[in-house]
Full PDB file with SEQRES, HELIX, SHEET, SSBOND, CRYST1, ORIGX, SCALE, CONECT and MASTER records, all heavy atoms in Angstrom:
SEQRES   1 A   31  LYS ARG TYR ASP ALA ASP GLY ASP SER ALA PHE CYS GLN          
SEQRES   2 A   31  ASP GLU LEU ASP ASN ILE PHE SER LEU SER PRO GLY ILE          
SEQRES   3 A   31  PRO TRP LYS ARG GLY                                          
HELIX    1 AA1 GLN A   13  PHE A   20  1                                   8    
CRYST1    1.000    1.000    1.000  90.00  90.00  90.00 P 1           1          
ORIGX1      1.000000  0.000000  0.000000        0.00000                         
ORIGX2      0.000000  1.000000  0.000000        0.00000                         
ORIGX3      0.000000  0.000000  1.000000        0.00000                         
SCALE1      1.000000  0.000000  0.000000        0.00000                         
SCALE2      0.000000  1.000000  0.000000        0.00000                         
SCALE3      0.000000  0.000000  1.000000        0.00000                         
ATOM      1  N   LYS A   1       0.818  -1.200   0.001  1.00  0.00           N  
ATOM      2  CA  LYS A   1       0.008  -0.013   0.005  1.00  0.00           C  
ATOM      3  C   LYS A   1       0.863   1.270  -0.005  1.00  0.00           C  
ATOM      4  O   LYS A   1       0.515   2.280  -0.628  1.00  0.00           O  
ATOM      5  CB  LYS A   1      -0.949  -0.002   1.211  1.00  0.00           C  
ATOM      6  CG  LYS A   1      -1.987  -1.118   1.159  1.00  0.00           C  
ATOM      7  CD  LYS A   1      -2.855  -1.130   2.403  1.00  0.00           C  
ATOM      8  CE  LYS A   1      -3.928  -2.231   2.316  1.00  0.00           C  
ATOM      9  NZ  LYS A   1      -4.766  -2.261   3.555  1.00  0.00           N  
ATOM     10  N   ARG A   2       1.989   1.208   0.664  1.00  0.00           N  
ATOM     11  CA  ARG A   2       2.857   2.402   0.730  1.00  0.00           C  
ATOM     12  C   ARG A   2       3.463   2.707  -0.630  1.00  0.00           C  
ATOM     13  O   ARG A   2       3.607   3.910  -1.008  1.00  0.00           O  
ATOM     14  CB  ARG A   2       3.996   2.185   1.744  1.00  0.00           C  
ATOM     15  CG  ARG A   2       4.791   3.436   2.006  1.00  0.00           C  
ATOM     16  CD  ARG A   2       6.104   3.197   2.713  1.00  0.00           C  
ATOM     17  NE  ARG A   2       5.984   2.369   3.907  1.00  0.00           N  
ATOM     18  CZ  ARG A   2       7.039   2.006   4.657  1.00  0.00           C  
ATOM     19  NH1 ARG A   2       8.259   2.382   4.307  1.00  0.00           N  
ATOM     20  NH2 ARG A   2       6.840   1.240   5.715  1.00  0.00           N  
ATOM     21  N   TYR A   3       3.850   1.704  -1.381  1.00  0.00           N  
ATOM     22  CA  TYR A   3       4.526   1.930  -2.658  1.00  0.00           C  
ATOM     23  C   TYR A   3       3.578   1.845  -3.875  1.00  0.00           C  
ATOM     24  O   TYR A   3       4.026   1.975  -5.005  1.00  0.00           O  
ATOM     25  CB  TYR A   3       5.673   0.926  -2.829  1.00  0.00           C  
ATOM     26  CG  TYR A   3       6.845   1.268  -1.952  1.00  0.00           C  
ATOM     27  CD1 TYR A   3       6.943   0.785  -0.651  1.00  0.00           C  
ATOM     28  CD2 TYR A   3       7.858   2.119  -2.418  1.00  0.00           C  
ATOM     29  CE1 TYR A   3       8.012   1.135   0.168  1.00  0.00           C  
ATOM     30  CE2 TYR A   3       8.928   2.464  -1.619  1.00  0.00           C  
ATOM     31  CZ  TYR A   3       9.000   1.988  -0.323  1.00  0.00           C  
ATOM     32  OH  TYR A   3      10.045   2.316   0.489  1.00  0.00           O  
ATOM     33  N   ASP A   4       2.295   1.659  -3.622  1.00  0.00           N  
ATOM     34  CA  ASP A   4       1.323   1.746  -4.694  1.00  0.00           C  
ATOM     35  C   ASP A   4       1.001   3.237  -4.945  1.00  0.00           C  
ATOM     36  O   ASP A   4      -0.003   3.742  -4.445  1.00  0.00           O  
ATOM     37  CB  ASP A   4       0.048   0.961  -4.319  1.00  0.00           C  
ATOM     38  CG  ASP A   4      -1.024   0.997  -5.388  1.00  0.00           C  
ATOM     39  OD1 ASP A   4      -0.683   1.293  -6.530  1.00  0.00           O  
ATOM     40  OD2 ASP A   4      -2.175   0.756  -5.037  1.00  0.00           O  
ATOM     41  N   ALA A   5       1.866   3.888  -5.682  1.00  0.00           N  
ATOM     42  CA  ALA A   5       1.826   5.351  -5.811  1.00  0.00           C  
ATOM     43  C   ALA A   5       0.531   5.870  -6.418  1.00  0.00           C  
ATOM     44  O   ALA A   5       0.025   6.915  -5.970  1.00  0.00           O  
ATOM     45  CB  ALA A   5       3.019   5.818  -6.645  1.00  0.00           C  
ATOM     46  N   ASP A   6      -0.027   5.145  -7.377  1.00  0.00           N  
ATOM     47  CA  ASP A   6      -1.231   5.661  -8.036  1.00  0.00           C  
ATOM     48  C   ASP A   6      -2.504   5.132  -7.385  1.00  0.00           C  
ATOM     49  O   ASP A   6      -3.622   5.477  -7.830  1.00  0.00           O  
ATOM     50  CB  ASP A   6      -1.233   5.326  -9.519  1.00  0.00           C  
ATOM     51  CG  ASP A   6      -1.024   3.837  -9.797  1.00  0.00           C  
ATOM     52  OD1 ASP A   6      -1.104   3.053  -8.842  1.00  0.00           O  
ATOM     53  OD2 ASP A   6      -0.738   3.489 -10.966  1.00  0.00           O  
ATOM     54  N   GLY A   7      -2.368   4.301  -6.358  1.00  0.00           N  
ATOM     55  CA  GLY A   7      -3.554   3.840  -5.611  1.00  0.00           C  
ATOM     56  C   GLY A   7      -4.487   2.958  -6.384  1.00  0.00           C  
ATOM     57  O   GLY A   7      -5.683   2.887  -6.053  1.00  0.00           O  
ATOM     58  N   ASP A   8      -3.980   2.234  -7.415  1.00  0.00           N  
ATOM     59  CA  ASP A   8      -4.850   1.375  -8.206  1.00  0.00           C  
ATOM     60  C   ASP A   8      -4.858  -0.075  -7.740  1.00  0.00           C  
ATOM     61  O   ASP A   8      -5.355  -0.964  -8.431  1.00  0.00           O  
ATOM     62  CB  ASP A   8      -4.465   1.434  -9.687  1.00  0.00           C  
ATOM     63  CG  ASP A   8      -3.058   0.852  -9.943  1.00  0.00           C  
ATOM     64  OD1 ASP A   8      -2.322   0.630  -8.956  1.00  0.00           O  
ATOM     65  OD2 ASP A   8      -2.727   0.625 -11.115  1.00  0.00           O  
ATOM     66  N   SER A   9      -4.255  -0.333  -6.544  1.00  0.00           N  
ATOM     67  CA  SER A   9      -4.223  -1.681  -5.944  1.00  0.00           C  
ATOM     68  C   SER A   9      -3.462  -2.676  -6.829  1.00  0.00           C  
ATOM     69  O   SER A   9      -3.776  -3.857  -6.855  1.00  0.00           O  
ATOM     70  CB  SER A   9      -5.624  -2.207  -5.672  1.00  0.00           C  
ATOM     71  OG  SER A   9      -6.302  -1.363  -4.767  1.00  0.00           O  
ATOM     72  N   ALA A  10      -2.451  -2.165  -7.538  1.00  0.00           N  
ATOM     73  CA  ALA A  10      -1.623  -3.046  -8.375  1.00  0.00           C  
ATOM     74  C   ALA A  10      -0.266  -2.366  -8.556  1.00  0.00           C  
ATOM     75  O   ALA A  10      -0.160  -1.149  -8.581  1.00  0.00           O  
ATOM     76  CB  ALA A  10      -2.281  -3.315  -9.712  1.00  0.00           C  
ATOM     77  N   PHE A  11       0.772  -3.202  -8.674  1.00  0.00           N  
ATOM     78  CA  PHE A  11       2.138  -2.715  -8.901  1.00  0.00           C  
ATOM     79  C   PHE A  11       2.444  -2.711 -10.385  1.00  0.00           C  
ATOM     80  O   PHE A  11       2.526  -3.772 -11.001  1.00  0.00           O  
ATOM     81  CB  PHE A  11       3.152  -3.596  -8.182  1.00  0.00           C  
ATOM     82  CG  PHE A  11       3.448  -3.202  -6.784  1.00  0.00           C  
ATOM     83  CD1 PHE A  11       4.095  -4.090  -5.922  1.00  0.00           C  
ATOM     84  CD2 PHE A  11       3.141  -1.914  -6.279  1.00  0.00           C  
ATOM     85  CE1 PHE A  11       4.405  -3.729  -4.624  1.00  0.00           C  
ATOM     86  CE2 PHE A  11       3.447  -1.564  -5.006  1.00  0.00           C  
ATOM     87  CZ  PHE A  11       4.062  -2.454  -4.144  1.00  0.00           C  
ATOM     88  N   CYS A  12       2.647  -1.532 -10.979  1.00  0.00           N  
ATOM     89  CA  CYS A  12       3.184  -1.476 -12.346  1.00  0.00           C  
ATOM     90  C   CYS A  12       4.688  -1.634 -12.249  1.00  0.00           C  
ATOM     91  O   CYS A  12       5.282  -1.720 -11.154  1.00  0.00           O  
ATOM     92  CB  CYS A  12       2.810  -0.172 -13.020  1.00  0.00           C  
ATOM     93  SG  CYS A  12       3.555   1.296 -12.211  1.00  0.00           S  
ATOM     94  N   GLN A  13       5.374  -1.646 -13.401  1.00  0.00           N  
ATOM     95  CA  GLN A  13       6.820  -1.887 -13.371  1.00  0.00           C  
ATOM     96  C   GLN A  13       7.571  -0.795 -12.661  1.00  0.00           C  
ATOM     97  O   GLN A  13       8.533  -1.061 -11.928  1.00  0.00           O  
ATOM     98  CB  GLN A  13       7.350  -2.017 -14.827  1.00  0.00           C  
ATOM     99  CG  GLN A  13       8.783  -2.515 -14.914  1.00  0.00           C  
ATOM    100  CD  GLN A  13       8.988  -3.854 -14.268  1.00  0.00           C  
ATOM    101  OE1 GLN A  13       8.267  -4.800 -14.509  1.00  0.00           O  
ATOM    102  NE2 GLN A  13       9.976  -3.952 -13.365  1.00  0.00           N  
ATOM    103  N   ASP A  14       7.150   0.461 -12.842  1.00  0.00           N  
ATOM    104  CA  ASP A  14       7.854   1.578 -12.159  1.00  0.00           C  
ATOM    105  C   ASP A  14       7.734   1.437 -10.650  1.00  0.00           C  
ATOM    106  O   ASP A  14       8.693   1.704  -9.900  1.00  0.00           O  
ATOM    107  CB  ASP A  14       7.276   2.912 -12.599  1.00  0.00           C  
ATOM    108  CG  ASP A  14       7.688   3.271 -14.024  1.00  0.00           C  
ATOM    109  OD1 ASP A  14       8.632   2.662 -14.537  1.00  0.00           O  
ATOM    110  OD2 ASP A  14       7.051   4.173 -14.612  1.00  0.00           O  
ATOM    111  N   GLU A  15       6.566   1.017 -10.163  1.00  0.00           N  
ATOM    112  CA  GLU A  15       6.371   0.857  -8.722  1.00  0.00           C  
ATOM    113  C   GLU A  15       7.178  -0.329  -8.194  1.00  0.00           C  
ATOM    114  O   GLU A  15       7.736  -0.262  -7.094  1.00  0.00           O  
ATOM    115  CB  GLU A  15       4.887   0.671  -8.420  1.00  0.00           C  
ATOM    116  CG  GLU A  15       4.083   1.957  -8.649  1.00  0.00           C  
ATOM    117  CD  GLU A  15       2.593   1.724  -8.709  1.00  0.00           C  
ATOM    118  OE1 GLU A  15       2.156   0.594  -8.982  1.00  0.00           O  
ATOM    119  OE2 GLU A  15       1.840   2.717  -8.464  1.00  0.00           O  
ATOM    120  N   LEU A  16       7.303  -1.382  -8.991  1.00  0.00           N  
ATOM    121  CA  LEU A  16       8.145  -2.527  -8.604  1.00  0.00           C  
ATOM    122  C   LEU A  16       9.592  -2.078  -8.560  1.00  0.00           C  
ATOM    123  O   LEU A  16      10.324  -2.431  -7.611  1.00  0.00           O  
ATOM    124  CB  LEU A  16       7.979  -3.672  -9.600  1.00  0.00           C  
ATOM    125  CG  LEU A  16       6.697  -4.511  -9.482  1.00  0.00           C  
ATOM    126  CD1 LEU A  16       6.600  -5.487 -10.641  1.00  0.00           C  
ATOM    127  CD2 LEU A  16       6.671  -5.284  -8.168  1.00  0.00           C  
ATOM    128  N   ASP A  17      10.026  -1.335  -9.541  1.00  0.00           N  
ATOM    129  CA  ASP A  17      11.408  -0.836  -9.551  1.00  0.00           C  
ATOM    130  C   ASP A  17      11.685   0.042  -8.355  1.00  0.00           C  
ATOM    131  O   ASP A  17      12.786   0.001  -7.771  1.00  0.00           O  
ATOM    132  CB  ASP A  17      11.702  -0.067 -10.862  1.00  0.00           C  
ATOM    133  CG  ASP A  17      11.702  -0.965 -12.086  1.00  0.00           C  
ATOM    134  OD1 ASP A  17      11.837  -2.174 -11.926  1.00  0.00           O  
ATOM    135  OD2 ASP A  17      11.551  -0.418 -13.191  1.00  0.00           O  
ATOM    136  N   ASN A  18      10.689   0.820  -7.960  1.00  0.00           N  
ATOM    137  CA  ASN A  18      10.877   1.732  -6.827  1.00  0.00           C  
ATOM    138  C   ASN A  18      11.053   0.977  -5.528  1.00  0.00           C  
ATOM    139  O   ASN A  18      11.994   1.236  -4.757  1.00  0.00           O  
ATOM    140  CB  ASN A  18       9.656   2.658  -6.727  1.00  0.00           C  
ATOM    141  CG  ASN A  18       9.835   3.730  -5.663  1.00  0.00           C  
ATOM    142  OD1 ASN A  18      10.946   4.137  -5.364  1.00  0.00           O  
ATOM    143  ND2 ASN A  18       8.737   4.160  -5.065  1.00  0.00           N  
ATOM    144  N   ILE A  19      10.203  -0.007  -5.274  1.00  0.00           N  
ATOM    145  CA  ILE A  19      10.327  -0.718  -4.001  1.00  0.00           C  
ATOM    146  C   ILE A  19      11.592  -1.604  -3.975  1.00  0.00           C  
ATOM    147  O   ILE A  19      12.279  -1.677  -2.971  1.00  0.00           O  
ATOM    148  CB  ILE A  19       9.054  -1.561  -3.699  1.00  0.00           C  
ATOM    149  CG1 ILE A  19       9.173  -2.198  -2.313  1.00  0.00           C  
ATOM    150  CG2 ILE A  19       8.824  -2.632  -4.756  1.00  0.00           C  
ATOM    151  CD1 ILE A  19       7.922  -2.884  -1.836  1.00  0.00           C  
ATOM    152  N   PHE A  20      11.904  -2.218  -5.094  1.00  0.00           N  
ATOM    153  CA  PHE A  20      13.070  -3.115  -5.107  1.00  0.00           C  
ATOM    154  C   PHE A  20      14.403  -2.354  -5.219  1.00  0.00           C  
ATOM    155  O   PHE A  20      15.454  -2.972  -5.115  1.00  0.00           O  
ATOM    156  CB  PHE A  20      12.938  -4.177  -6.200  1.00  0.00           C  
ATOM    157  CG  PHE A  20      12.020  -5.295  -5.848  1.00  0.00           C  
ATOM    158  CD1 PHE A  20      10.767  -5.413  -6.401  1.00  0.00           C  
ATOM    159  CD2 PHE A  20      12.404  -6.239  -4.891  1.00  0.00           C  
ATOM    160  CE1 PHE A  20       9.894  -6.433  -6.054  1.00  0.00           C  
ATOM    161  CE2 PHE A  20      11.547  -7.272  -4.543  1.00  0.00           C  
ATOM    162  CZ  PHE A  20      10.303  -7.365  -5.097  1.00  0.00           C  
ATOM    163  N   SER A  21      14.323  -1.033  -5.397  1.00  0.00           N  
ATOM    164  CA  SER A  21      15.555  -0.246  -5.326  1.00  0.00           C  
ATOM    165  C   SER A  21      16.113  -0.193  -3.902  1.00  0.00           C  
ATOM    166  O   SER A  21      17.260   0.221  -3.687  1.00  0.00           O  
ATOM    167  CB  SER A  21      15.301   1.165  -5.850  1.00  0.00           C  
ATOM    168  OG  SER A  21      14.391   1.876  -5.013  1.00  0.00           O  
ATOM    169  N   LEU A  22      15.318  -0.579  -2.928  1.00  0.00           N  
ATOM    170  CA  LEU A  22      15.799  -0.700  -1.547  1.00  0.00           C  
ATOM    171  C   LEU A  22      16.659  -1.931  -1.363  1.00  0.00           C  
ATOM    172  O   LEU A  22      17.276  -2.135  -0.291  1.00  0.00           O  
ATOM    173  CB  LEU A  22      14.613  -0.785  -0.586  1.00  0.00           C  
ATOM    174  CG  LEU A  22      13.707   0.436  -0.490  1.00  0.00           C  
ATOM    175  CD1 LEU A  22      12.447   0.094   0.280  1.00  0.00           C  
ATOM    176  CD2 LEU A  22      14.471   1.586   0.206  1.00  0.00           C  
ATOM    177  N   SER A  23      16.705  -2.789  -2.358  1.00  0.00           N  
ATOM    178  CA  SER A  23      17.373  -4.096  -2.266  1.00  0.00           C  
ATOM    179  C   SER A  23      18.264  -4.325  -3.493  1.00  0.00           C  
ATOM    180  O   SER A  23      18.336  -3.449  -4.375  1.00  0.00           O  
ATOM    181  CB  SER A  23      16.291  -5.191  -2.210  1.00  0.00           C  
ATOM    182  OG  SER A  23      15.654  -5.284  -3.476  1.00  0.00           O  
ATOM    183  N   PRO A  24      18.910  -5.490  -3.579  1.00  0.00           N  
ATOM    184  CA  PRO A  24      19.711  -5.780  -4.800  1.00  0.00           C  
ATOM    185  C   PRO A  24      18.866  -5.941  -6.044  1.00  0.00           C  
ATOM    186  O   PRO A  24      19.398  -5.987  -7.151  1.00  0.00           O  
ATOM    187  CB  PRO A  24      20.434  -7.097  -4.436  1.00  0.00           C  
ATOM    188  CG  PRO A  24      20.433  -7.158  -2.961  1.00  0.00           C  
ATOM    189  CD  PRO A  24      19.164  -6.505  -2.535  1.00  0.00           C  
ATOM    190  N   GLY A  25      17.567  -6.063  -5.931  1.00  0.00           N  
ATOM    191  CA  GLY A  25      16.692  -6.206  -7.106  1.00  0.00           C  
ATOM    192  C   GLY A  25      15.637  -7.265  -6.896  1.00  0.00           C  
ATOM    193  O   GLY A  25      15.535  -7.876  -5.829  1.00  0.00           O  
ATOM    194  N   ILE A  26      14.840  -7.503  -7.904  1.00  0.00           N  
ATOM    195  CA  ILE A  26      13.763  -8.474  -7.864  1.00  0.00           C  
ATOM    196  C   ILE A  26      14.344  -9.887  -7.811  1.00  0.00           C  
ATOM    197  O   ILE A  26      15.155 -10.240  -8.658  1.00  0.00           O  
ATOM    198  CB  ILE A  26      12.828  -8.337  -9.076  1.00  0.00           C  
ATOM    199  CG1 ILE A  26      12.149  -6.967  -9.082  1.00  0.00           C  
ATOM    200  CG2 ILE A  26      11.759  -9.432  -9.087  1.00  0.00           C  
ATOM    201  CD1 ILE A  26      11.330  -6.669 -10.315  1.00  0.00           C  
ATOM    202  N   PRO A  27      13.987 -10.669  -6.809  1.00  0.00           N  
ATOM    203  CA  PRO A  27      14.619 -11.999  -6.647  1.00  0.00           C  
ATOM    204  C   PRO A  27      14.011 -13.088  -7.538  1.00  0.00           C  
ATOM    205  O   PRO A  27      14.482 -14.229  -7.464  1.00  0.00           O  
ATOM    206  CB  PRO A  27      14.379 -12.315  -5.161  1.00  0.00           C  
ATOM    207  CG  PRO A  27      13.106 -11.623  -4.843  1.00  0.00           C  
ATOM    208  CD  PRO A  27      13.095 -10.370  -5.687  1.00  0.00           C  
ATOM    209  N   TRP A  28      13.002 -12.795  -8.347  1.00  0.00           N  
ATOM    210  CA  TRP A  28      12.285 -13.827  -9.068  1.00  0.00           C  
ATOM    211  C   TRP A  28      12.430 -13.696 -10.584  1.00  0.00           C  
ATOM    212  O   TRP A  28      11.565 -14.147 -11.347  1.00  0.00           O  
ATOM    213  CB  TRP A  28      10.781 -13.803  -8.727  1.00  0.00           C  
ATOM    214  CG  TRP A  28      10.515 -13.728  -7.270  1.00  0.00           C  
ATOM    215  CD1 TRP A  28      10.882 -14.637  -6.320  1.00  0.00           C  
ATOM    216  CD2 TRP A  28       9.833 -12.659  -6.589  1.00  0.00           C  
ATOM    217  NE1 TRP A  28      10.473 -14.204  -5.093  1.00  0.00           N  
ATOM    218  CE2 TRP A  28       9.803 -13.014  -5.203  1.00  0.00           C  
ATOM    219  CE3 TRP A  28       9.223 -11.491  -7.001  1.00  0.00           C  
ATOM    220  CZ2 TRP A  28       9.208 -12.199  -4.258  1.00  0.00           C  
ATOM    221  CZ3 TRP A  28       8.622 -10.688  -6.057  1.00  0.00           C  
ATOM    222  CH2 TRP A  28       8.623 -11.033  -4.695  1.00  0.00           C  
ATOM    223  N   LYS A  29      13.475 -13.058 -11.042  1.00  0.00           N  
ATOM    224  CA  LYS A  29      13.633 -12.829 -12.495  1.00  0.00           C  
ATOM    225  C   LYS A  29      13.666 -14.113 -13.284  1.00  0.00           C  
ATOM    226  O   LYS A  29      13.246 -14.180 -14.421  1.00  0.00           O  
ATOM    227  CB  LYS A  29      14.878 -11.983 -12.746  1.00  0.00           C  
ATOM    228  CG  LYS A  29      14.727 -10.533 -12.264  1.00  0.00           C  
ATOM    229  CD  LYS A  29      15.933  -9.712 -12.633  1.00  0.00           C  
ATOM    230  CE  LYS A  29      15.739  -8.250 -12.202  1.00  0.00           C  
ATOM    231  NZ  LYS A  29      16.910  -7.402 -12.521  1.00  0.00           N  
ATOM    232  N   ARG A  30      14.228 -15.167 -12.671  1.00  0.00           N  
ATOM    233  CA  ARG A  30      14.282 -16.449 -13.371  1.00  0.00           C  
ATOM    234  C   ARG A  30      12.954 -17.179 -13.367  1.00  0.00           C  
ATOM    235  O   ARG A  30      12.775 -18.158 -14.094  1.00  0.00           O  
ATOM    236  CB  ARG A  30      15.361 -17.346 -12.744  1.00  0.00           C  
ATOM    237  CG  ARG A  30      16.788 -16.807 -12.889  1.00  0.00           C  
ATOM    238  CD  ARG A  30      17.788 -17.758 -12.290  1.00  0.00           C  
ATOM    239  NE  ARG A  30      19.153 -17.260 -12.420  1.00  0.00           N  
ATOM    240  CZ  ARG A  30      20.221 -17.916 -11.972  1.00  0.00           C  
ATOM    241  NH1 ARG A  30      20.062 -19.094 -11.349  1.00  0.00           N  
ATOM    242  NH2 ARG A  30      21.437 -17.413 -12.128  1.00  0.00           N  
ATOM    243  N   GLY A  31      12.005 -16.731 -12.568  1.00  0.00           N  
ATOM    244  CA  GLY A  31      10.724 -17.393 -12.472  1.00  0.00           C  
ATOM    245  C   GLY A  31       9.620 -16.738 -13.262  1.00  0.00           C  
ATOM    246  O   GLY A  31       8.443 -16.927 -12.976  1.00  0.00           O  
TER     247      GLY A  31                                                      
MASTER        0    0    0    1    0    0    0    6  246    1    0    3          
END                                                                             
């Protein structure tokens, strides 16, 4: 809810990139 910037109850790619910038990246790229 905090990183759902547009409030549409879904993560677009930009929102995913934003939250995972706190970490080394998305851990499921191979999946």
